[in-house]
Amino acid sequence: MKKWEVAVLIGFFAVFIILFFSVEQHRQPKVGDFVMNDNVSILVYSPVVKDSLSIGSKKYEAGAGWKFVILDINLVNMAKENRTFYAGRIEDEDGMVYFNYQHYYKGYTKLSPGKGRSIDVAYKMPTNAVPEKFHYTILNSDSWYGEILLKR
């Protein structure tokens, strides 16, 4: 190889390396991370597993072969308009989808500007299912979809 060909090759690799390391790597939000989406701050704590739920004076049993997975979620609306947070589905590590337990929580939470709220959302899943992802939506003039990994 000629000297100028070697110089061009080295220059090409130098530019490639600079571009590769300058591109921001997308990091999937995980449980325990503060997530900002559509001016709503979202913090999901580690899931809690229970065999039963107590809601007021009523008690709900998961039943044989089932469990309740409960997410504790803190929300703060930092927008100047109302926002509605929808606690969507949980996806397990096999890709199966589970929606929130309707007897416990309807899923929609209205947030006024500058206000926060803590909510609990329950999902009924088979005992052997391992929750992996939490999917949510923030509704207003636009809908914003998000996903949070439930494993650290």
Protein backbone atom coordinates (compact mmCIF):
# COMPACT_ATOMS: atom_id res chain seq x y z
CA MET A 1 0.00 0.00 0.00
CA LYS A 2 1.09 3.50 -0.70
CA LYS A 3 1.57 6.02 2.10
CA TRP A 4 -1.43 8.11 1.05
CA GLU A 5 -3.65 4.98 0.99
CA VAL A 6 -2.58 4.11 4.54
CA ALA A 7 -3.26 7.71 5.63
CA VAL A 8 -6.76 7.64 4.08
CA LEU A 9 -7.50 4.30 5.75
CA ILE A 10 -6.34 5.58 9.16
CA GLY A 11 -8.39 8.76 8.66
CA PHE A 12 -11.49 6.72 7.78
CA PHE A 13 -11.18 4.61 10.94
CA ALA A 14 -10.51 7.69 13.09
CA VAL A 15 -13.70 9.36 11.80
CA PHE A 16 -15.64 6.11 12.31
CA ILE A 17 -14.46 5.78 15.93
CA ILE A 18 -15.27 9.44 16.69
CA LEU A 19 -18.77 9.10 15.23
CA PHE A 20 -19.41 5.77 16.96
CA PHE A 21 -18.58 7.08 20.42
CA SER A 22 -20.29 10.45 19.94
CA VAL A 23 -23.71 8.91 19.22
CA GLU A 24 -25.76 8.76 22.42
CA GLN A 25 -26.69 5.21 23.27
CA HIS A 26 -30.41 4.75 23.98
CA ARG A 27 -30.88 3.35 27.46
CA GLN A 28 -34.11 1.60 28.37
CA PRO A 29 -35.60 3.07 31.59
CA LYS A 30 -35.67 0.59 34.46
CA VAL A 31 -37.62 0.22 37.65
CA GLY A 32 -36.34 2.83 40.14
CA ASP A 33 -35.35 5.33 37.40
CA PHE A 34 -36.99 8.74 37.14
CA VAL A 35 -38.58 8.90 33.70
CA MET A 36 -39.73 12.18 32.12
CA ASN A 37 -42.30 11.69 29.36
CA ASP A 38 -44.53 14.47 27.95
CA ASN A 39 -43.66 16.61 31.00
CA VAL A 40 -44.81 13.92 33.42
CA SER A 41 -42.29 12.56 35.89
CA ILE A 42 -42.76 8.82 36.44
CA LEU A 43 -41.10 6.65 39.06
CA VAL A 44 -41.97 2.94 39.21
CA TYR A 45 -40.78 0.98 42.23
CA SER A 46 -39.92 -2.73 42.21
CA PRO A 47 -42.98 -4.96 41.82
CA VAL A 48 -44.49 -6.55 44.94
CA VAL A 49 -46.05 -10.04 44.69
CA LYS A 50 -49.08 -11.00 46.82
CA ASP A 51 -51.57 -13.87 47.00
CA SER A 52 -54.47 -11.55 47.85
CA LEU A 53 -55.60 -7.93 47.70
CA SER A 54 -57.56 -6.00 50.31
CA ILE A 55 -59.59 -3.11 48.95
CA GLY A 56 -61.62 -1.42 51.63
CA SER A 57 -63.60 -4.19 53.30
CA LYS A 58 -63.29 -6.58 50.32
CA LYS A 59 -60.58 -9.17 49.91
CA TYR A 60 -59.67 -10.70 46.55
CA GLU A 61 -57.76 -13.98 46.33
CA ALA A 62 -55.49 -14.65 43.36
CA GLY A 63 -56.39 -18.35 43.42
CA ALA A 64 -54.33 -21.49 42.92
CA GLY A 65 -51.63 -21.04 40.30
CA TRP A 66 -52.05 -17.23 40.24
CA LYS A 67 -50.49 -14.19 41.91
CA PHE A 68 -51.02 -10.46 42.06
CA VAL A 69 -48.13 -8.26 40.91
CA ILE A 70 -48.47 -4.74 42.30
CA LEU A 71 -46.65 -1.69 40.98
CA ASP A 72 -46.27 1.42 43.14
CA ILE A 73 -46.00 4.41 40.78
CA ASN A 74 -45.28 8.06 41.64
CA LEU A 75 -46.43 10.66 39.11
CA VAL A 76 -45.89 14.43 38.89
CA ASN A 77 -47.37 16.57 36.11
CA MET A 78 -44.86 19.29 35.27
CA ALA A 79 -46.80 20.48 32.21
CA LYS A 80 -48.98 23.59 32.09
CA GLU A 81 -51.95 21.48 30.97
CA ASN A 82 -53.79 18.52 32.45
CA ARG A 83 -52.38 15.11 31.71
CA THR A 84 -53.95 11.68 32.04
CA PHE A 85 -51.71 8.75 32.85
CA TYR A 86 -52.87 5.30 31.78
CA ALA A 87 -51.26 2.32 33.48
CA GLY A 88 -51.30 -0.12 30.62
CA ARG A 89 -50.12 -3.67 30.53
CA ILE A 90 -47.33 -5.79 31.95
CA GLU A 91 -45.39 -8.07 29.65
CA ASP A 92 -43.67 -11.13 31.07
CA GLU A 93 -40.29 -12.48 29.95
CA ASP A 94 -42.06 -14.84 27.50
CA GLY A 95 -43.92 -11.96 25.81
CA MET A 96 -47.32 -12.71 27.36
CA VAL A 97 -49.38 -9.61 28.16
CA TYR A 98 -51.48 -8.93 31.28
CA PHE A 99 -53.79 -5.97 31.86
CA ASN A 100 -54.47 -4.30 35.20
CA TYR A 101 -56.82 -6.05 37.60
CA GLN A 102 -60.15 -4.28 37.03
CA HIS A 103 -61.55 -4.86 40.53
CA TYR A 104 -58.62 -2.94 41.96
CA TYR A 105 -57.83 -0.03 39.69
CA LYS A 106 -59.28 1.30 36.43
CA GLY A 107 -55.91 2.45 35.12
CA TYR A 108 -56.57 6.13 34.32
CA THR A 109 -55.17 8.86 36.58
CA LYS A 110 -55.89 12.55 35.89
CA LEU A 111 -53.11 14.93 36.86
CA SER A 112 -53.57 18.70 37.19
CA PRO A 113 -50.64 21.00 36.32
CA GLY A 114 -47.99 20.97 39.04
CA LYS A 115 -49.70 18.15 40.97
CA GLY A 116 -48.43 14.71 41.86
CA ARG A 117 -50.00 11.45 42.85
CA SER A 118 -48.96 7.99 43.98
CA ILE A 119 -50.92 5.04 42.60
CA ASP A 120 -50.84 1.28 42.98
CA VAL A 121 -51.70 -0.92 40.01
CA ALA A 122 -52.33 -4.65 40.35
CA TYR A 123 -51.96 -7.32 37.68
CA LYS A 124 -53.12 -10.93 37.98
CA MET A 125 -50.55 -13.31 36.50
CA PRO A 126 -49.74 -17.02 36.61
CA THR A 127 -47.45 -17.91 39.51
CA ASN A 128 -44.58 -18.91 37.19
CA ALA A 129 -44.76 -15.71 35.05
CA VAL A 130 -41.88 -13.25 35.54
CA PRO A 131 -42.86 -9.61 34.89
CA GLU A 132 -40.40 -7.93 32.56
CA LYS A 133 -41.89 -4.71 31.09
CA PHE A 134 -44.48 -2.15 32.14
CA HIS A 135 -46.23 -0.27 29.32
CA TYR A 136 -48.02 3.06 29.88
CA THR A 137 -49.59 5.95 27.99
CA ILE A 138 -49.84 9.66 28.76
CA LEU A 139 -52.95 11.15 27.20
CA ASN A 140 -53.49 14.80 26.26
CA SER A 141 -53.49 16.48 22.85
CA ASP A 142 -50.93 13.84 21.87
CA SER A 143 -50.50 10.34 23.23
CA TRP A 144 -47.07 9.36 24.48
CA TYR A 145 -46.23 5.72 24.95
CA GLY A 146 -43.55 4.41 27.22
CA GLU A 147 -42.04 1.25 28.54
CA ILE A 148 -40.13 0.57 31.75
CA LEU A 149 -38.12 -2.57 32.45
CA LEU A 150 -39.18 -4.22 35.72
CA LYS A 151 -35.80 -5.85 36.34
CA ARG A 152 -32.69 -4.02 37.48
